[in-house]
Amino acid sequence: DELDGLIVPLLDNWDLYRLGTVERIVLRMGVWELKSTDVPVGVIINEAVDLANWFSSPKSRTIINAVLDKYAHSR
């Protein structure tokens, strides 16, 4: 719930559950990693985009990139 609360405001008129399961999981993992580790932001976002591209559709990488970038800049 905590991670979802951080993600929802960044979705720009999207509901979290309109996203696919893979996208939600990748966003949660990415936000947690940005929040809780000292791994460089670019590495985290790149890995999340790669996961979304690998396990979902190529279109999902756009939203993953946008949301994680917004979160990284909001911190």
Protein backbone atom coordinates (compact mmCIF):
# COMPACT_ATOMS: atom_id res chain seq x y z
CA ASP A 1 0.00 0.00 0.00
CA GLU A 2 2.86 2.38 0.80
CA LEU A 3 4.48 1.90 -2.61
CA ASP A 4 1.14 2.16 -4.41
CA GLY A 5 0.53 5.44 -2.58
CA LEU A 6 3.77 6.78 -4.04
CA ILE A 7 3.01 5.53 -7.56
CA VAL A 8 -0.64 6.59 -8.01
CA PRO A 9 -0.01 10.37 -8.01
CA LEU A 10 2.56 9.90 -10.77
CA LEU A 11 0.21 8.09 -13.16
CA ASP A 12 -1.46 11.20 -14.63
CA ASN A 13 -5.15 10.32 -14.80
CA TRP A 14 -4.56 6.56 -14.79
CA ASP A 15 -5.77 4.11 -12.20
CA LEU A 16 -3.12 1.74 -10.89
CA TYR A 17 -5.26 -1.26 -11.77
CA ARG A 18 -5.58 -0.20 -15.41
CA LEU A 19 -1.93 -1.19 -15.70
CA GLY A 20 -1.02 -4.79 -16.28
CA THR A 21 0.20 -6.98 -13.45
CA VAL A 22 3.78 -6.94 -14.74
CA GLU A 23 3.80 -3.14 -14.99
CA ARG A 24 2.49 -2.77 -11.42
CA ILE A 25 5.10 -5.16 -10.06
CA VAL A 26 7.95 -3.53 -11.97
CA LEU A 27 6.86 -0.07 -10.81
CA ARG A 28 6.67 -1.25 -7.20
CA MET A 29 10.13 -2.82 -7.46
CA GLY A 30 11.57 0.29 -9.08
CA VAL A 31 10.09 2.72 -6.57
CA TRP A 32 11.23 0.54 -3.67
CA GLU A 33 14.74 0.35 -5.09
CA LEU A 34 14.88 4.12 -5.72
CA LYS A 35 13.63 4.75 -2.20
CA SER A 36 15.68 2.18 -0.31
CA THR A 37 19.05 1.70 -2.04
CA ASP A 38 21.97 3.74 -3.24
CA VAL A 39 22.00 2.18 -6.72
CA PRO A 40 22.27 4.94 -9.36
CA VAL A 41 18.92 6.18 -10.65
CA GLY A 42 19.79 5.49 -14.28
CA VAL A 43 20.65 1.88 -13.53
CA ILE A 44 17.39 1.29 -11.66
CA ILE A 45 15.25 2.84 -14.38
CA ASN A 46 17.10 1.01 -17.15
CA GLU A 47 16.70 -2.36 -15.44
CA ALA A 48 13.01 -1.72 -14.78
CA VAL A 49 12.46 -0.77 -18.43
CA ASP A 50 14.30 -3.91 -19.53
CA LEU A 51 12.13 -6.07 -17.26
CA ALA A 52 8.95 -4.50 -18.60
CA ASN A 53 10.14 -4.95 -22.16
CA TRP A 54 11.11 -8.56 -21.54
CA PHE A 55 8.05 -9.70 -19.57
CA SER A 56 5.37 -7.43 -21.02
CA SER A 57 4.94 -5.40 -24.20
CA PRO A 58 7.36 -2.85 -25.64
CA LYS A 59 4.73 -0.16 -25.00
CA SER A 60 4.92 -0.74 -21.25
CA ARG A 61 8.50 0.50 -21.11
CA THR A 62 7.28 4.02 -21.85
CA ILE A 63 5.07 4.23 -18.79
CA ILE A 64 7.64 2.51 -16.58
CA ASN A 65 10.30 4.99 -17.67
CA ALA A 66 8.01 7.99 -17.21
CA VAL A 67 6.72 7.05 -13.77
CA LEU A 68 10.10 6.09 -12.33
CA ASP A 69 11.70 9.22 -13.77
CA LYS A 70 8.99 11.38 -12.16
CA TYR A 71 9.49 9.63 -8.84
CA ALA A 72 13.28 10.03 -9.01
CA HIS A 73 12.94 13.76 -9.72
CA SER A 74 10.38 14.24 -6.95
CA ARG A 75 12.71 12.94 -4.25
